[in-house]
Amino acid sequence: MVQVTIKDVDEGTFRELKAEAAREGISVGKALSWAVKVWLSEMQKPRLSLLSWKTFKGGKGTQYLSEEIDDILYGEKSGNIS
Protein backbone atom coordinates (compact mmCIF):
# COMPACT_ATOMS: atom_id res chain seq x y z
CA MET A 1 0.00 0.00 0.00
CA VAL A 2 1.04 3.54 -0.65
CA GLN A 3 0.13 6.70 1.25
CA VAL A 4 -1.07 9.59 -0.88
CA THR A 5 -2.32 13.11 -0.39
CA ILE A 6 -5.16 14.13 -2.67
CA LYS A 7 -5.93 17.81 -3.28
CA ASP A 8 -9.04 19.52 -4.63
CA VAL A 9 -11.54 16.84 -3.56
CA ASP A 10 -15.12 18.10 -3.33
CA GLU A 11 -15.90 18.34 0.37
CA GLY A 12 -19.46 17.04 0.12
CA THR A 13 -18.44 14.10 -2.03
CA PHE A 14 -15.67 13.18 0.39
CA ARG A 15 -18.08 13.35 3.32
CA GLU A 16 -20.45 10.98 1.49
CA LEU A 17 -17.56 8.61 0.71
CA LYS A 18 -16.44 8.63 4.34
CA ALA A 19 -19.97 8.01 5.64
CA GLU A 20 -20.64 5.18 3.16
CA ALA A 21 -17.30 3.56 3.99
CA ALA A 22 -18.19 3.68 7.68
CA ARG A 23 -21.60 2.10 6.99
CA GLU A 24 -19.87 -0.68 5.04
CA GLY A 25 -17.26 -1.14 7.77
CA ILE A 26 -14.29 -0.40 5.50
CA SER A 27 -11.65 2.30 5.46
CA VAL A 28 -11.87 5.36 3.25
CA GLY A 29 -8.72 4.13 1.50
CA LYS A 30 -10.35 0.80 0.59
CA ALA A 31 -13.49 2.57 -0.60
CA LEU A 32 -11.43 4.98 -2.68
CA SER A 33 -9.34 2.14 -4.15
CA TRP A 34 -12.53 0.30 -5.13
CA ALA A 35 -14.00 3.46 -6.70
CA VAL A 36 -10.83 4.06 -8.74
CA LYS A 37 -10.80 0.42 -9.94
CA VAL A 38 -14.42 0.70 -11.05
CA TRP A 39 -13.73 4.00 -12.81
CA LEU A 40 -10.66 2.59 -14.56
CA SER A 41 -12.57 -0.49 -15.74
CA GLU A 42 -15.30 1.77 -17.14
CA MET A 43 -12.69 3.80 -19.00
CA GLN A 44 -11.38 0.61 -20.63
CA LYS A 45 -14.75 -0.27 -22.19
CA PRO A 46 -14.93 0.38 -25.92
CA ARG A 47 -17.14 3.28 -26.89
CA LEU A 48 -19.33 3.03 -29.93
CA SER A 49 -19.53 5.90 -32.34
CA LEU A 50 -22.92 6.83 -33.73
CA LEU A 51 -21.35 6.30 -37.14
CA SER A 52 -20.86 2.62 -36.33
CA TRP A 53 -24.57 2.02 -35.77
CA LYS A 54 -26.30 -0.03 -38.42
CA THR A 55 -29.59 1.03 -39.98
CA PHE A 56 -32.47 -1.31 -40.55
CA LYS A 57 -35.68 -1.36 -42.50
CA GLY A 58 -38.69 -1.73 -40.25
CA GLY A 59 -40.91 -3.14 -42.95
CA LYS A 60 -44.23 -2.14 -44.45
CA GLY A 61 -46.12 0.51 -42.50
CA THR A 62 -43.11 1.90 -40.61
CA GLN A 63 -42.00 4.60 -43.05
CA TYR A 64 -43.46 7.36 -40.83
CA LEU A 65 -42.55 5.81 -37.50
CA SER A 66 -40.03 8.48 -36.48
CA GLU A 67 -42.58 11.24 -37.13
CA GLU A 68 -45.19 9.34 -35.10
CA ILE A 69 -42.73 8.97 -32.22
CA ASP A 70 -41.92 12.70 -32.39
CA ASP A 71 -45.65 13.52 -32.26
CA ILE A 72 -46.05 11.35 -29.15
CA LEU A 73 -43.01 12.81 -27.42
CA TYR A 74 -43.19 16.44 -28.49
CA GLY A 75 -46.78 17.03 -29.56
CA GLU A 76 -48.74 16.80 -32.77
CA LYS A 77 -46.88 18.04 -35.86
CA SER A 78 -43.85 19.15 -33.87
CA GLY A 79 -41.59 18.81 -36.89
CA ASN A 80 -43.48 21.40 -38.90
CA ILE A 81 -41.94 24.87 -38.75
CA SER A 82 -44.42 27.65 -39.48
C-alpha atoms as a PDB file:
ATOM      1  CA  MET A   1       0.000   0.000   0.000  1.00  0.00           C
ATOM      2  CA  VAL A   2       1.042   3.545  -0.650  1.00  0.00           C
ATOM      3  CA  GLN A   3       0.130   6.697   1.253  1.00  0.00           C
ATOM      4  CA  VAL A   4      -1.070   9.593  -0.882  1.00  0.00           C
ATOM      5  CA  THR A   5      -2.321  13.106  -0.387  1.00  0.00           C
ATOM      6  CA  ILE A   6      -5.157  14.130  -2.671  1.00  0.00           C
ATOM      7  CA  LYS A   7      -5.933  17.806  -3.280  1.00  0.00           C
ATOM      8  CA  ASP A   8      -9.039  19.516  -4.627  1.00  0.00           C
ATOM      9  CA  VAL A   9     -11.543  16.843  -3.563  1.00  0.00           C
ATOM     10  CA  ASP A  10     -15.122  18.096  -3.334  1.00  0.00           C
ATOM     11  CA  GLU A  11     -15.899  18.343   0.371  1.00  0.00           C
ATOM     12  CA  GLY A  12     -19.456  17.036   0.124  1.00  0.00           C
ATOM     13  CA  THR A  13     -18.435  14.104  -2.027  1.00  0.00           C
ATOM     14  CA  PHE A  14     -15.669  13.184   0.388  1.00  0.00           C
ATOM     15  CA  ARG A  15     -18.083  13.346   3.322  1.00  0.00           C
ATOM     16  CA  GLU A  16     -20.448  10.980   1.491  1.00  0.00           C
ATOM     17  CA  LEU A  17     -17.565   8.608   0.708  1.00  0.00           C
ATOM     18  CA  LYS A  18     -16.439   8.630   4.345  1.00  0.00           C
ATOM     19  CA  ALA A  19     -19.971   8.005   5.643  1.00  0.00           C
ATOM     20  CA  GLU A  20     -20.639   5.182   3.163  1.00  0.00           C
ATOM     21  CA  ALA A  21     -17.297   3.556   3.988  1.00  0.00           C
ATOM     22  CA  ALA A  22     -18.195   3.685   7.680  1.00  0.00           C
ATOM     23  CA  ARG A  23     -21.600   2.098   6.994  1.00  0.00           C
ATOM     24  CA  GLU A  24     -19.872  -0.677   5.044  1.00  0.00           C
ATOM     25  CA  GLY A  25     -17.262  -1.138   7.772  1.00  0.00           C
ATOM     26  CA  ILE A  26     -14.294  -0.399   5.501  1.00  0.00           C
ATOM     27  CA  SER A  27     -11.653   2.302   5.462  1.00  0.00           C
ATOM     28  CA  VAL A  28     -11.868   5.358   3.249  1.00  0.00           C
ATOM     29  CA  GLY A  29      -8.718   4.129   1.502  1.00  0.00           C
ATOM     30  CA  LYS A  30     -10.347   0.804   0.591  1.00  0.00           C
ATOM     31  CA  ALA A  31     -13.494   2.575  -0.598  1.00  0.00           C
ATOM     32  CA  LEU A  32     -11.428   4.977  -2.683  1.00  0.00           C
ATOM     33  CA  SER A  33      -9.339   2.135  -4.146  1.00  0.00           C
ATOM     34  CA  TRP A  34     -12.532   0.300  -5.126  1.00  0.00           C
ATOM     35  CA  ALA A  35     -13.997   3.463  -6.703  1.00  0.00           C
ATOM     36  CA  VAL A  36     -10.828   4.060  -8.736  1.00  0.00           C
ATOM     37  CA  LYS A  37     -10.805   0.416  -9.935  1.00  0.00           C
ATOM     38  CA  VAL A  38     -14.424   0.698 -11.051  1.00  0.00           C
ATOM     39  CA  TRP A  39     -13.731   4.002 -12.808  1.00  0.00           C
ATOM     40  CA  LEU A  40     -10.655   2.593 -14.562  1.00  0.00           C
ATOM     41  CA  SER A  41     -12.566  -0.492 -15.737  1.00  0.00           C
ATOM     42  CA  GLU A  42     -15.300   1.765 -17.140  1.00  0.00           C
ATOM     43  CA  MET A  43     -12.689   3.801 -19.000  1.00  0.00           C
ATOM     44  CA  GLN A  44     -11.380   0.609 -20.631  1.00  0.00           C
ATOM     45  CA  LYS A  45     -14.746  -0.275 -22.193  1.00  0.00           C
ATOM     46  CA  PRO A  46     -14.926   0.384 -25.921  1.00  0.00           C
ATOM     47  CA  ARG A  47     -17.141   3.280 -26.885  1.00  0.00           C
ATOM     48  CA  LEU A  48     -19.335   3.030 -29.933  1.00  0.00           C
ATOM     49  CA  SER A  49     -19.526   5.898 -32.338  1.00  0.00           C
ATOM     50  CA  LEU A  50     -22.920   6.833 -33.732  1.00  0.00           C
ATOM     51  CA  LEU A  51     -21.350   6.304 -37.141  1.00  0.00           C
ATOM     52  CA  SER A  52     -20.857   2.620 -36.330  1.00  0.00           C
ATOM     53  CA  TRP A  53     -24.571   2.022 -35.766  1.00  0.00           C
ATOM     54  CA  LYS A  54     -26.299  -0.033 -38.418  1.00  0.00           C
ATOM     55  CA  THR A  55     -29.586   1.034 -39.977  1.00  0.00           C
ATOM     56  CA  PHE A  56     -32.470  -1.312 -40.555  1.00  0.00           C
ATOM     57  CA  LYS A  57     -35.683  -1.358 -42.498  1.00  0.00           C
ATOM     58  CA  GLY A  58     -38.693  -1.730 -40.252  1.00  0.00           C
ATOM     59  CA  GLY A  59     -40.913  -3.140 -42.947  1.00  0.00           C
ATOM     60  CA  LYS A  60     -44.225  -2.138 -44.445  1.00  0.00           C
ATOM     61  CA  GLY A  61     -46.117   0.507 -42.496  1.00  0.00           C
ATOM     62  CA  THR A  62     -43.112   1.901 -40.609  1.00  0.00           C
ATOM     63  CA  GLN A  63     -42.002   4.598 -43.053  1.00  0.00           C
ATOM     64  CA  TYR A  64     -43.459   7.363 -40.834  1.00  0.00           C
ATOM     65  CA  LEU A  65     -42.546   5.808 -37.497  1.00  0.00           C
ATOM     66  CA  SER A  66     -40.025   8.479 -36.476  1.00  0.00           C
ATOM     67  CA  GLU A  67     -42.575  11.243 -37.133  1.00  0.00           C
ATOM     68  CA  GLU A  68     -45.188   9.339 -35.103  1.00  0.00           C
ATOM     69  CA  ILE A  69     -42.729   8.975 -32.218  1.00  0.00           C
ATOM     70  CA  ASP A  70     -41.917  12.696 -32.394  1.00  0.00           C
ATOM     71  CA  ASP A  71     -45.652  13.516 -32.265  1.00  0.00           C
ATOM     72  CA  ILE A  72     -46.051  11.354 -29.155  1.00  0.00           C
ATOM     73  CA  LEU A  73     -43.013  12.813 -27.420  1.00  0.00           C
ATOM     74  CA  TYR A  74     -43.194  16.437 -28.488  1.00  0.00           C
ATOM     75  CA  GLY A  75     -46.784  17.032 -29.562  1.00  0.00           C
ATOM     76  CA  GLU A  76     -48.740  16.802 -32.774  1.00  0.00           C
ATOM     77  CA  LYS A  77     -46.881  18.043 -35.863  1.00  0.00           C
ATOM     78  CA  SER A  78     -43.849  19.153 -33.867  1.00  0.00           C
ATOM     79  CA  GLY A  79     -41.587  18.811 -36.889  1.00  0.00           C
ATOM     80  CA  ASN A  80     -43.485  21.401 -38.904  1.00  0.00           C
ATOM     81  CA  ILE A  81     -41.944  24.870 -38.752  1.00  0.00           C
ATOM     82  CA  SER A  82     -44.422  27.654 -39.485  1.00  0.00           C
END
